[in-house]
Protein backbone atom coordinates (compact mmCIF):
# COMPACT_ATOMS: atom_id res chain seq x y z
CA MET A 1 0.00 0.00 0.00
CA ILE A 2 1.22 3.52 -0.78
CA PRO A 3 2.28 5.35 2.42
CA GLY A 4 -0.45 7.72 3.54
CA PHE A 5 -3.39 5.93 1.96
CA GLY A 6 -3.91 3.85 5.11
CA SER A 7 -5.13 6.86 7.07
CA LEU A 8 -6.45 8.86 4.14
CA LEU A 9 -9.18 6.97 2.34
CA GLY A 10 -12.00 7.96 0.03
CA GLY A 11 -12.89 11.63 0.17
CA ASP A 12 -9.95 12.59 2.39
CA ALA A 13 -7.43 11.14 -0.07
CA PHE A 14 -9.19 12.92 -2.92
CA LEU A 15 -9.17 16.20 -0.98
CA ALA A 16 -5.46 15.84 -0.18
CA THR A 17 -4.72 15.23 -3.87
CA PHE A 18 -6.79 18.29 -4.82
CA LEU A 19 -4.89 20.42 -2.28
CA ILE A 20 -1.61 19.27 -3.81
CA PHE A 21 -3.01 20.20 -7.21
CA CYS A 22 -3.91 23.68 -5.89
CA ARG A 23 -0.29 24.46 -4.99
CA ILE A 24 1.30 22.88 -8.06
CA GLY A 25 -1.34 24.22 -10.45
CA GLY A 26 -1.08 27.71 -8.97
CA CYS A 27 2.69 27.67 -9.48
CA LEU A 28 2.51 26.38 -13.07
CA LEU A 29 -0.14 29.00 -13.82
CA ILE A 30 2.41 31.80 -13.56
CA VAL A 31 5.93 30.30 -13.58
CA PRO A 32 8.05 30.97 -16.73
CA GLY A 33 7.63 28.58 -19.61
CA PHE A 34 4.46 26.79 -18.55
CA SER A 35 2.46 30.03 -18.22
CA SER A 36 3.13 31.25 -21.76
CA PRO A 37 -0.02 32.10 -23.76
CA ARG A 38 1.50 29.96 -26.52
CA VAL A 39 0.87 26.88 -24.35
CA PRO A 40 -2.84 25.90 -24.61
CA ALA A 41 -4.78 25.97 -21.35
CA GLN A 42 -5.70 22.28 -21.76
CA VAL A 43 -2.01 21.35 -21.97
CA ARG A 44 -1.18 23.38 -18.87
CA LEU A 45 -4.04 21.74 -16.98
CA LEU A 46 -2.88 18.28 -18.09
CA ILE A 47 0.70 18.97 -16.97
CA ALA A 48 -0.45 20.31 -13.58
CA GLY A 49 -2.73 17.31 -13.06
CA GLY A 50 -0.07 14.81 -14.12
CA VAL A 51 2.60 16.32 -11.87
CA SER A 52 0.17 16.48 -8.95
CA LEU A 53 -0.75 12.80 -9.28
CA ALA A 54 2.93 11.86 -9.66
CA VAL A 55 4.00 13.51 -6.40
CA THR A 56 0.86 12.67 -4.39
CA PRO A 57 2.29 9.41 -2.91
CA LEU A 58 5.28 11.40 -1.60
CA LEU A 59 3.18 14.13 0.01
CA LEU A 60 0.13 12.29 1.35
CA PRO A 61 1.78 11.48 4.71
CA LEU A 62 1.89 15.24 5.43
CA PHE A 63 -1.90 15.31 5.45
CA GLN A 64 -2.38 12.39 7.86
CA GLY A 65 -4.66 13.24 10.76
CA ARG A 66 -5.28 16.79 9.53
CA LEU A 67 -8.15 16.39 7.06
CA PRO A 68 -10.62 13.92 8.68
CA GLY A 69 -13.52 15.75 10.33
CA GLN A 70 -12.43 19.12 8.96
CA ALA A 71 -15.11 21.82 8.79
CA PRO A 72 -16.07 23.11 5.31
CA THR A 73 -14.80 26.60 6.17
CA ASP A 74 -11.43 25.16 7.15
CA THR A 75 -11.32 23.21 3.88
CA LEU A 76 -11.97 26.39 1.89
CA ALA A 77 -9.24 28.17 3.85
CA TRP A 78 -6.80 25.34 3.02
CA ILE A 79 -7.71 25.52 -0.68
CA ALA A 80 -7.18 29.30 -0.73
CA SER A 81 -3.93 29.03 1.23
CA GLU A 82 -2.46 26.33 -1.03
CA SER A 83 -3.49 28.21 -4.19
CA VAL A 84 -1.95 31.48 -2.99
CA THR A 85 1.22 29.66 -1.93
CA GLY A 86 1.56 28.13 -5.40
CA LEU A 87 0.93 31.48 -7.08
CA LEU A 88 3.55 33.17 -4.92
CA ILE A 89 6.16 30.50 -5.70
CA GLY A 90 5.40 30.90 -9.42
CA LEU A 91 5.59 34.68 -9.13
CA LEU A 92 9.05 34.47 -7.57
CA GLY A 93 10.22 32.61 -10.67
CA ARG A 94 8.27 34.87 -13.01
CA ILE A 95 10.14 37.88 -11.65
CA PHE A 96 13.26 36.70 -13.51
CA ILE A 97 11.45 37.00 -16.85
CA PHE A 98 9.82 40.31 -15.91
CA VAL A 99 13.19 41.82 -15.03
CA LEU A 100 14.90 40.37 -18.12
CA GLU A 101 12.17 41.83 -20.35
CA THR A 102 12.42 45.24 -18.66
CA VAL A 103 16.19 45.50 -18.94
CA MET A 104 16.39 44.17 -22.50
CA ASN A 105 13.57 46.50 -23.59
CA ALA A 106 15.61 49.45 -22.32
CA VAL A 107 18.75 48.13 -24.03
CA SER A 108 16.89 47.57 -27.33
CA THR A 109 15.66 51.16 -27.25
CA MET A 110 19.11 52.57 -26.51
CA VAL A 111 20.80 50.78 -29.41
CA GLY A 112 18.07 51.49 -31.98
CA PHE A 113 16.02 48.26 -32.00
CA GLY A 114 13.08 49.65 -30.05
CA SER A 115 11.06 50.49 -33.17
CA MET A 116 11.30 46.95 -34.60
CA PRO A 117 8.33 45.03 -33.14
CA GLY A 118 8.62 41.32 -32.53
CA THR A 119 6.34 38.50 -31.44
CA PRO A 120 5.68 38.37 -27.68
CA VAL A 121 6.84 35.21 -25.90
CA GLU A 122 5.66 35.33 -22.29
CA GLY A 123 2.98 38.00 -22.67
CA SER A 124 0.55 39.49 -25.15
CA ASP A 125 2.05 42.95 -25.75
CA ALA A 126 4.36 43.61 -28.71
CA ILE A 127 8.04 43.82 -27.75
CA PRO A 128 11.22 44.59 -29.76
CA ALA A 129 12.49 41.75 -31.94
CA VAL A 130 15.82 41.51 -30.08
CA GLU A 131 13.99 41.24 -26.77
CA THR A 132 11.83 38.48 -28.26
CA LEU A 133 14.96 36.59 -29.31
CA ILE A 134 16.56 36.87 -25.87
CA VAL A 135 13.45 35.97 -23.86
CA LEU A 136 12.63 33.05 -26.16
CA SER A 137 16.21 31.78 -25.88
CA ALA A 138 16.11 32.06 -22.07
CA VAL A 139 12.83 30.12 -21.81
CA ALA A 140 13.98 27.46 -24.29
CA LEU A 141 17.26 26.99 -22.42
CA MET A 142 15.35 26.53 -19.15
CA PHE A 143 13.77 23.42 -20.62
CA ALA A 144 16.92 22.33 -22.47
CA ALA A 145 18.85 22.45 -19.17
CA ASP A 146 16.10 20.39 -17.43
CA LEU A 147 15.34 23.21 -15.00
CA HIS A 148 11.65 22.29 -15.13
CA TRP A 149 12.53 19.07 -13.27
CA GLU A 150 14.36 21.18 -10.70
CA LEU A 151 11.17 23.25 -10.39
CA PHE A 152 9.12 20.14 -9.64
CA ARG A 153 11.69 19.02 -7.07
CA GLY A 154 11.50 22.45 -5.46
CA LEU A 155 7.70 22.25 -5.29
CA VAL A 156 7.93 18.94 -3.44
CA ASP A 157 10.55 20.37 -1.08
CA SER A 158 8.37 23.44 -0.46
CA TYR A 159 6.07 21.29 1.69
CA ALA A 160 8.89 20.84 4.21
CA ARG A 161 9.29 24.60 4.57
CA ILE A 162 5.64 25.57 4.13
CA PRO A 163 3.44 22.78 5.55
CA PRO A 164 -0.01 22.27 4.00
CA GLY A 165 -2.58 24.80 5.11
CA GLU A 166 -0.14 27.26 6.69
CA GLY A 167 0.91 29.35 3.68
CA PHE A 168 3.13 32.42 3.63
CA GLY A 169 2.66 35.15 6.17
CA THR A 170 1.92 38.54 4.60
CA GLN A 171 5.10 40.13 5.91
CA THR A 172 7.22 37.13 4.91
CA ALA A 173 5.73 37.14 1.40
CA LEU A 174 6.39 40.87 0.90
CA VAL A 175 9.97 40.57 2.17
CA ARG A 176 10.58 37.57 -0.07
CA LEU A 177 9.19 39.39 -3.11
CA ALA A 178 11.30 42.49 -2.42
CA ASP A 179 14.45 40.41 -2.00
CA GLN A 180 13.72 38.45 -5.17
CA ILE A 181 13.19 41.62 -7.22
CA GLY A 182 16.48 43.04 -5.94
CA GLU A 183 18.41 39.86 -6.74
CA ALA A 184 16.81 39.51 -10.18
CA PHE A 185 17.51 43.16 -11.10
CA THR A 186 21.12 42.79 -9.98
CA LEU A 187 21.46 39.73 -12.21
CA ALA A 188 19.76 41.43 -15.18
CA LEU A 189 21.85 44.60 -14.87
CA ARG A 190 25.02 42.51 -14.72
CA ILE A 191 23.92 40.76 -17.91
CA ALA A 192 22.97 43.98 -19.70
CA ALA A 193 25.92 46.06 -18.45
CA PRO A 194 28.05 45.67 -21.63
CA PHE A 195 25.14 46.82 -23.81
CA ILE A 196 24.36 49.77 -21.55
CA ILE A 197 28.00 50.89 -21.55
CA TYR A 198 28.14 50.47 -25.32
CA ALA A 199 24.91 52.45 -25.85
CA VAL A 200 26.05 55.30 -23.60
CA ALA A 201 29.48 55.45 -25.25
CA VAL A 202 28.29 55.47 -28.86
CA ASN A 203 25.46 57.94 -28.20
CA LEU A 204 27.83 60.24 -26.35
CA ALA A 205 30.30 60.04 -29.23
CA ALA A 206 27.52 60.75 -31.74
CA GLY A 207 26.46 63.74 -29.66
CA PHE A 208 29.98 65.19 -29.66
CA VAL A 209 30.32 64.68 -33.42
CA ASN A 210 26.93 66.29 -33.96
CA LYS A 211 28.09 69.35 -32.00
CA LEU A 212 31.21 69.61 -34.12
CA THR A 213 29.32 69.23 -37.41
CA PRO A 214 25.77 70.50 -36.79
CA THR A 215 24.92 70.54 -40.49
CA ILE A 216 25.34 66.78 -40.84
CA PRO A 217 22.56 64.51 -39.45
CA VAL A 218 24.99 62.39 -37.46
CA TYR A 219 22.37 60.38 -35.60
CA PHE A 220 20.70 59.21 -38.82
CA ILE A 221 24.03 58.27 -40.35
CA ALA A 222 25.35 56.54 -37.23
CA THR A 223 22.23 54.49 -36.43
CA PRO A 224 23.01 51.54 -38.76
CA PHE A 225 26.56 51.33 -37.40
CA VAL A 226 25.30 51.48 -33.80
CA MET A 227 22.84 48.65 -34.50
CA PHE A 228 25.52 46.59 -36.23
CA GLY A 229 27.88 47.04 -33.27
CA ALA A 230 25.12 45.96 -30.87
CA LEU A 231 24.50 42.82 -32.92
CA LEU A 232 28.21 41.99 -32.83
CA LEU A 233 28.20 42.49 -29.07
CA LEU A 234 25.16 40.23 -28.78
CA TYR A 235 26.85 37.59 -30.92
CA TYR A 236 30.00 37.44 -28.79
CA LEU A 237 28.35 37.76 -25.36
CA SER A 238 25.08 35.84 -25.78
CA SER A 239 26.37 32.51 -24.48
CA GLU A 240 27.97 34.15 -21.44
CA PHE A 241 24.96 36.16 -20.30
CA MET A 242 22.55 33.29 -20.98
CA THR A 243 24.75 31.09 -18.79
CA GLN A 244 24.65 33.69 -16.03
CA PHE A 245 20.88 34.03 -16.30
CA LEU A 246 20.33 30.27 -16.09
CA ALA A 247 22.77 30.03 -13.18
CA GLY A 248 20.81 32.70 -11.30
CA TYR A 249 17.49 30.99 -12.00
CA LEU A 250 18.93 27.61 -10.94
CA ALA A 251 20.26 29.14 -7.70
CA TRP A 252 16.74 30.34 -6.87
CA LEU A 253 15.24 26.93 -7.64
CA ARG A 254 17.69 25.21 -5.31
CA LYS A 255 17.64 27.83 -2.58
CA GLY A 256 13.87 28.42 -2.72
């Protein structure tokens, strides 16, 4: 017999499985990769259900003696708590993509790619084509590096730190979100630093040249060369900053 089913039978076992689904489904609803609008809702639901059923035998012992005889109001509170916990875990991972999009959008604008719309990857709003390339590469590499399995392992481990039904405290959640935003922005700025320095340097040089020769439209002439230089920089540094981004995301998955 699977451990945990001896004391959780019938409706209690079903309720425990549903509570596990609430946390895992809430996380997959917003975490990078699985939450993309390009992934059909039916596929996301199937993945969340499959993962929940797969980890249920491991987590059922945590619900022993806590569900039998529970009042309906307590059950609703558990469902809400587990759903919010899953959403918060997914949001902590989603912050990495939010920050990467913000920084790369600014970089694309500074080097002249801001007016070239691309296909959105993790949202529905149009974004620059270079930003689309970088975000798509980051999400694809998350799956190529098997970080989605690390995410599932982290979700199982989260029950040791956040027992079922307890959830995050409001103050703890806000502190955790603030710390995560600070760490993610530090990582994104470190990644984008070469492009920011390049953009400031070339625009400053173009400004000086424009002052020396005001009759020549320097900015219009220099724009293709600025864009070409940014593409060269992207070509030589892409593997390095993608490695740093994945390393930062992996550190969060392992640290929690």
